[in-house]
Amino acid sequence: MCLKKLFLVIFLLTGITSTNMAQVKNDYAANWKKVEALEKKGLTKTALQEVLVIYNLAIKDNQDAQQIKASMYQVKYRNMVEEDSHENNIFFVDTLIAKAKAPAKNILQSMQA
């Protein structure tokens, strides 16, 4: 009897965790669609602001893949919006590399090259 309750609790916790993970992915998907729509409209500065929101959310959620994707978009949009962004982007990527752990660090290093 007690064993059945234990399995039920484990099953429920697994389901809740899976649901939460799916919701996190859906939130990112919606945010990225918004970025894509802003880019299509030519609103690069607004798209950069939305990417910064995604980046901060990814840091909060500890989502390395989303952090890297947002970093790449930040570099892209800064190149479009700011005149002397090249040096700032190099410094930005260097800072990310210093904070990152493998495999994210390896991806960022290849991005820097």
N, C-alpha and C. Protein backbone atom coordinates (compact mmCIF):
# COMPACT_ATOMS: atom_id res chain seq x y z
N MET A 1 0.83 -1.19 0.00
CA MET A 1 0.00 0.00 0.00
C MET A 1 0.87 1.25 0.00
N CYS A 2 1.84 1.28 0.90
CA CYS A 2 2.73 2.44 1.01
C CYS A 2 3.58 2.58 -0.25
N LEU A 3 3.97 1.44 -0.82
CA LEU A 3 4.78 1.45 -2.03
C LEU A 3 3.99 2.03 -3.20
N LYS A 4 2.69 1.73 -3.28
CA LYS A 4 1.84 2.26 -4.33
C LYS A 4 1.74 3.78 -4.21
N LYS A 5 1.61 4.28 -3.00
CA LYS A 5 1.54 5.73 -2.79
C LYS A 5 2.85 6.40 -3.19
N LEU A 6 3.96 5.76 -2.87
CA LEU A 6 5.26 6.30 -3.23
C LEU A 6 5.40 6.39 -4.74
N PHE A 7 5.02 5.33 -5.46
CA PHE A 7 5.09 5.35 -6.91
C PHE A 7 4.16 6.40 -7.50
N LEU A 8 3.00 6.57 -6.90
CA LEU A 8 2.05 7.58 -7.36
C LEU A 8 2.64 8.98 -7.20
N VAL A 9 3.26 9.26 -6.07
CA VAL A 9 3.88 10.56 -5.82
C VAL A 9 5.01 10.81 -6.80
N ILE A 10 5.85 9.80 -7.02
CA ILE A 10 6.96 9.95 -7.97
C ILE A 10 6.41 10.20 -9.37
N PHE A 11 5.38 9.47 -9.76
CA PHE A 11 4.77 9.65 -11.07
C PHE A 11 4.21 11.07 -11.23
N LEU A 12 3.52 11.55 -10.21
CA LEU A 12 2.95 12.90 -10.27
C LEU A 12 4.04 13.97 -10.34
N LEU A 13 5.09 13.81 -9.55
CA LEU A 13 6.18 14.78 -9.58
C LEU A 13 6.88 14.79 -10.93
N THR A 14 7.04 13.63 -11.53
CA THR A 14 7.65 13.54 -12.86
C THR A 14 6.77 14.25 -13.88
N GLY A 15 5.48 14.05 -13.79
CA GLY A 15 4.55 14.71 -14.72
C GLY A 15 4.56 16.21 -14.56
N ILE A 16 4.60 16.68 -13.33
CA ILE A 16 4.63 18.12 -13.07
C ILE A 16 5.92 18.73 -13.60
N THR A 17 7.04 18.06 -13.37
CA THR A 17 8.32 18.55 -13.85
C THR A 17 8.33 18.61 -15.37
N SER A 18 7.82 17.58 -16.02
CA SER A 18 7.77 17.56 -17.48
C SER A 18 6.89 18.69 -18.01
N THR A 19 5.78 18.93 -17.35
CA THR A 19 4.89 20.01 -17.77
C THR A 19 5.57 21.36 -17.61
N ASN A 20 6.27 21.56 -16.52
CA ASN A 20 6.97 22.83 -16.32
C ASN A 20 8.06 23.03 -17.36
N MET A 21 8.79 21.99 -17.71
CA MET A 21 9.83 22.09 -18.72
C MET A 21 9.21 22.44 -20.07
N ALA A 22 8.09 21.84 -20.40
CA ALA A 22 7.42 22.14 -21.67
C ALA A 22 6.94 23.58 -21.69
N GLN A 23 6.46 24.09 -20.56
CA GLN A 23 6.00 25.46 -20.51
C GLN A 23 7.16 26.42 -20.71
N VAL A 24 8.32 26.12 -20.17
CA VAL A 24 9.49 26.97 -20.35
C VAL A 24 9.85 27.05 -21.82
N LYS A 25 9.85 25.91 -22.50
CA LYS A 25 10.17 25.90 -23.92
C LYS A 25 9.14 26.69 -24.72
N ASN A 26 7.87 26.57 -24.35
CA ASN A 26 6.82 27.31 -25.05
C ASN A 26 6.98 28.81 -24.86
N ASP A 27 7.39 29.23 -23.67
CA ASP A 27 7.60 30.65 -23.44
C ASP A 27 8.70 31.18 -24.34
N TYR A 28 9.77 30.42 -24.49
CA TYR A 28 10.85 30.86 -25.36
C TYR A 28 10.40 30.90 -26.82
N ALA A 29 9.62 29.90 -27.22
CA ALA A 29 9.15 29.86 -28.60
C ALA A 29 8.30 31.09 -28.91
N ALA A 30 7.45 31.47 -28.00
CA ALA A 30 6.61 32.65 -28.21
C ALA A 30 7.46 33.92 -28.28
N ASN A 31 8.45 33.99 -27.40
CA ASN A 31 9.34 35.16 -27.42
C ASN A 31 10.13 35.25 -28.72
N TRP A 32 10.62 34.11 -29.20
CA TRP A 32 11.39 34.12 -30.44
C TRP A 32 10.51 34.46 -31.64
N LYS A 33 9.25 34.05 -31.61
CA LYS A 33 8.34 34.44 -32.69
C LYS A 33 8.13 35.94 -32.70
N LYS A 34 8.06 36.52 -31.52
CA LYS A 34 7.92 37.97 -31.41
C LYS A 34 9.15 38.67 -31.97
N VAL A 35 10.33 38.15 -31.68
CA VAL A 35 11.57 38.72 -32.21
C VAL A 35 11.58 38.64 -33.73
N GLU A 36 11.18 37.49 -34.25
CA GLU A 36 11.14 37.30 -35.70
C GLU A 36 10.17 38.29 -36.36
N ALA A 37 9.01 38.48 -35.75
CA ALA A 37 8.03 39.42 -36.30
C ALA A 37 8.57 40.85 -36.27
N LEU A 38 9.24 41.22 -35.18
CA LEU A 38 9.81 42.56 -35.09
C LEU A 38 10.89 42.77 -36.15
N GLU A 39 11.68 41.74 -36.38
CA GLU A 39 12.74 41.85 -37.40
C GLU A 39 12.13 42.01 -38.79
N LYS A 40 11.08 41.26 -39.06
CA LYS A 40 10.42 41.38 -40.37
C LYS A 40 9.85 42.77 -40.59
N LYS A 41 9.40 43.41 -39.51
CA LYS A 41 8.87 44.77 -39.60
C LYS A 41 9.98 45.81 -39.68
N GLY A 42 11.22 45.40 -39.49
CA GLY A 42 12.34 46.32 -39.52
C GLY A 42 12.57 47.04 -38.20
N LEU A 43 11.99 46.53 -37.12
CA LEU A 43 12.12 47.15 -35.80
C LEU A 43 13.28 46.49 -35.04
N THR A 44 14.48 46.75 -35.54
CA THR A 44 15.67 46.09 -35.02
C THR A 44 15.94 46.45 -33.56
N LYS A 45 15.77 47.71 -33.21
CA LYS A 45 16.04 48.15 -31.85
C LYS A 45 15.07 47.48 -30.86
N THR A 46 13.82 47.39 -31.23
CA THR A 46 12.81 46.73 -30.40
C THR A 46 13.09 45.24 -30.31
N ALA A 47 13.53 44.65 -31.43
CA ALA A 47 13.89 43.23 -31.43
C ALA A 47 15.06 42.98 -30.48
N LEU A 48 16.03 43.89 -30.46
CA LEU A 48 17.17 43.77 -29.55
C LEU A 48 16.69 43.81 -28.10
N GLN A 49 15.75 44.68 -27.80
CA GLN A 49 15.21 44.75 -26.43
C GLN A 49 14.52 43.45 -26.05
N GLU A 50 13.79 42.86 -26.98
CA GLU A 50 13.11 41.58 -26.71
C GLU A 50 14.13 40.45 -26.53
N VAL A 51 15.21 40.50 -27.29
CA VAL A 51 16.27 39.50 -27.14
C VAL A 51 16.91 39.62 -25.77
N LEU A 52 17.08 40.85 -25.29
CA LEU A 52 17.62 41.05 -23.94
C LEU A 52 16.71 40.45 -22.88
N VAL A 53 15.40 40.56 -23.08
CA VAL A 53 14.43 39.95 -22.16
C VAL A 53 14.60 38.43 -22.17
N ILE A 54 14.72 37.86 -23.37
CA ILE A 54 14.91 36.41 -23.49
C ILE A 54 16.22 35.99 -22.82
N TYR A 55 17.27 36.76 -23.04
CA TYR A 55 18.57 36.45 -22.46
C TYR A 55 18.50 36.45 -20.94
N ASN A 56 17.88 37.45 -20.36
CA ASN A 56 17.76 37.51 -18.90
C ASN A 56 16.90 36.38 -18.36
N LEU A 57 15.85 36.03 -19.08
CA LEU A 57 15.01 34.90 -18.69
C LEU A 57 15.81 33.59 -18.76
N ALA A 58 16.64 33.44 -19.78
CA ALA A 58 17.45 32.24 -19.93
C ALA A 58 18.48 32.12 -18.81
N ILE A 59 19.04 33.25 -18.40
CA ILE A 59 19.97 33.23 -17.27
C ILE A 59 19.25 32.80 -16.01
N LYS A 60 18.07 33.37 -15.81
CA LYS A 60 17.27 33.03 -14.62
C LYS A 60 16.90 31.55 -14.59
N ASP A 61 16.56 30.99 -15.77
CA ASP A 61 16.14 29.59 -15.87
C ASP A 61 17.33 28.64 -16.06
N ASN A 62 18.51 29.20 -16.17
CA ASN A 62 19.73 28.40 -16.39
C ASN A 62 19.63 27.56 -17.66
N GLN A 63 19.19 28.19 -18.73
CA GLN A 63 19.03 27.54 -20.03
C GLN A 63 20.18 27.97 -20.95
N ASP A 64 21.23 27.16 -20.99
CA ASP A 64 22.43 27.51 -21.76
C ASP A 64 22.14 27.70 -23.24
N ALA A 65 21.34 26.83 -23.82
CA ALA A 65 21.05 26.92 -25.25
C ALA A 65 20.36 28.24 -25.59
N GLN A 66 19.40 28.65 -24.77
CA GLN A 66 18.70 29.91 -25.01
C GLN A 66 19.63 31.11 -24.77
N GLN A 67 20.53 30.99 -23.81
CA GLN A 67 21.50 32.07 -23.56
C GLN A 67 22.40 32.27 -24.77
N ILE A 68 22.87 31.17 -25.34
CA ILE A 68 23.74 31.26 -26.51
C ILE A 68 23.00 31.83 -27.70
N LYS A 69 21.78 31.35 -27.92
CA LYS A 69 20.99 31.86 -29.04
C LYS A 69 20.72 33.35 -28.87
N ALA A 70 20.36 33.75 -27.67
CA ALA A 70 20.09 35.17 -27.41
C ALA A 70 21.37 35.98 -27.56
N SER A 71 22.50 35.43 -27.18
CA SER A 71 23.78 36.13 -27.33
C SER A 71 24.09 36.37 -28.80
N MET A 72 23.85 35.36 -29.61
CA MET A 72 24.11 35.50 -31.04
C MET A 72 23.21 36.58 -31.65
N TYR A 73 21.97 36.61 -31.24
CA TYR A 73 21.05 37.63 -31.75
C TYR A 73 21.44 39.02 -31.24
N GLN A 74 21.91 39.09 -30.00
CA GLN A 74 22.36 40.39 -29.48
C GLN A 74 23.49 40.94 -30.32
N VAL A 75 24.46 40.10 -30.65
CA VAL A 75 25.58 40.54 -31.48
C VAL A 75 25.07 40.99 -32.85
N LYS A 76 24.17 40.23 -33.41
CA LYS A 76 23.61 40.55 -34.73
C LYS A 76 22.91 41.91 -34.71
N TYR A 77 22.03 42.11 -33.73
CA TYR A 77 21.26 43.35 -33.69
C TYR A 77 22.11 44.55 -33.28
N ARG A 78 23.09 44.34 -32.42
CA ARG A 78 23.98 45.45 -32.06
C ARG A 78 24.78 45.91 -33.27
N ASN A 79 25.18 44.97 -34.12
CA ASN A 79 25.88 45.35 -35.34
C ASN A 79 25.00 46.21 -36.24
N MET A 80 23.71 45.99 -36.21
CA MET A 80 22.78 46.75 -37.04
C MET A 80 22.46 48.12 -36.43
N VAL A 81 22.38 48.17 -35.10
CA VAL A 81 21.88 49.37 -34.42
C VAL A 81 23.01 50.33 -34.03
N GLU A 82 24.10 49.80 -33.52
CA GLU A 82 25.18 50.64 -33.01
C GLU A 82 26.29 50.77 -34.04
N GLU A 83 26.91 51.94 -34.09
CA GLU A 83 27.97 52.19 -35.06
C GLU A 83 29.25 51.43 -34.74
N ASP A 84 29.77 51.58 -33.54
CA ASP A 84 31.03 50.97 -33.16
C ASP A 84 30.78 49.76 -32.26
N SER A 85 30.00 48.83 -32.73
CA SER A 85 29.60 47.70 -31.90
C SER A 85 30.60 46.55 -31.91
N HIS A 86 31.52 46.56 -32.86
CA HIS A 86 32.43 45.42 -33.01
C HIS A 86 33.24 45.17 -31.73
N GLU A 87 33.84 46.20 -31.17
CA GLU A 87 34.62 46.05 -29.95
C GLU A 87 33.74 45.66 -28.77
N ASN A 88 32.56 46.25 -28.68
CA ASN A 88 31.64 45.90 -27.60
C ASN A 88 31.20 44.45 -27.69
N ASN A 89 30.96 43.97 -28.91
CA ASN A 89 30.54 42.58 -29.10
C ASN A 89 31.67 41.61 -28.72
N ILE A 90 32.89 41.96 -29.06
CA ILE A 90 34.03 41.11 -28.68
C ILE A 90 34.13 41.04 -27.16
N PHE A 91 34.02 42.17 -26.50
CA PHE A 91 34.07 42.21 -25.04
C PHE A 91 32.91 41.41 -24.43
N PHE A 92 31.72 41.54 -25.03
CA PHE A 92 30.54 40.82 -24.56
C PHE A 92 30.76 39.31 -24.63
N VAL A 93 31.26 38.82 -25.77
CA VAL A 93 31.48 37.39 -25.95
C VAL A 93 32.60 36.92 -25.01
N ASP A 94 33.65 37.72 -24.85
CA ASP A 94 34.73 37.37 -23.91
C ASP A 94 34.19 37.21 -22.50
N THR A 95 33.29 38.10 -22.10
CA THR A 95 32.68 38.03 -20.77
C THR A 95 31.84 36.76 -20.63
N LEU A 96 31.10 36.42 -21.65
CA LEU A 96 30.29 35.20 -21.62
C LEU A 96 31.16 33.96 -21.51
N ILE A 97 32.27 33.95 -22.25
CA ILE A 97 33.17 32.80 -22.22
C ILE A 97 33.75 32.63 -20.82
N ALA A 98 34.10 33.73 -20.19
CA ALA A 98 34.68 33.66 -18.84
C ALA A 98 33.69 33.07 -17.83
N LYS A 99 32.40 33.31 -18.01
CA LYS A 99 31.38 32.84 -17.08
C LYS A 99 30.88 31.43 -17.40
N ALA A 100 31.01 31.01 -18.66
CA ALA A 100 30.37 29.77 -19.11
C ALA A 100 31.18 28.53 -18.74
N LYS A 101 30.46 27.42 -18.72
CA LYS A 101 31.07 26.11 -18.51
C LYS A 101 30.90 25.31 -19.79
N ALA A 102 31.73 24.27 -19.95
CA ALA A 102 31.61 23.42 -21.14
C ALA A 102 30.22 22.78 -21.15
N PRO A 103 29.60 22.54 -22.21
CA PRO A 103 29.88 22.75 -23.62
C PRO A 103 29.54 24.16 -24.12
N ALA A 104 28.84 24.93 -23.31
CA ALA A 104 28.47 26.28 -23.73
C ALA A 104 29.73 27.12 -24.00
N LYS A 105 30.74 26.94 -23.18
CA LYS A 105 31.98 27.68 -23.34
C LYS A 105 32.61 27.38 -24.71
N ASN A 106 32.60 26.12 -25.12
CA ASN A 106 33.16 25.73 -26.41
C ASN A 106 32.41 26.37 -27.56
N ILE A 107 31.10 26.43 -27.45
CA ILE A 107 30.28 27.04 -28.50
C ILE A 107 30.58 28.53 -28.59
N LEU A 108 30.67 29.19 -27.45
CA LEU A 108 30.98 30.62 -27.44
C LEU A 108 32.37 30.90 -27.99
N GLN A 109 33.32 30.03 -27.71
CA GLN A 109 34.67 30.22 -28.24
C GLN A 109 34.68 30.09 -29.76
N SER A 110 33.89 29.18 -30.29
CA SER A 110 33.82 29.06 -31.74
C SER A 110 33.08 30.25 -32.35
N MET A 111 32.16 30.80 -31.61
CA MET A 111 31.45 32.00 -32.05
C MET A 111 32.40 33.19 -32.11
N GLN A 112 33.33 33.23 -31.19
CA GLN A 112 34.29 34.32 -31.11
C GLN A 112 35.30 34.28 -32.26
N ALA A 113 35.64 33.09 -32.71
CA ALA A 113 36.68 32.93 -33.74
C ALA A 113 36.28 33.43 -35.07
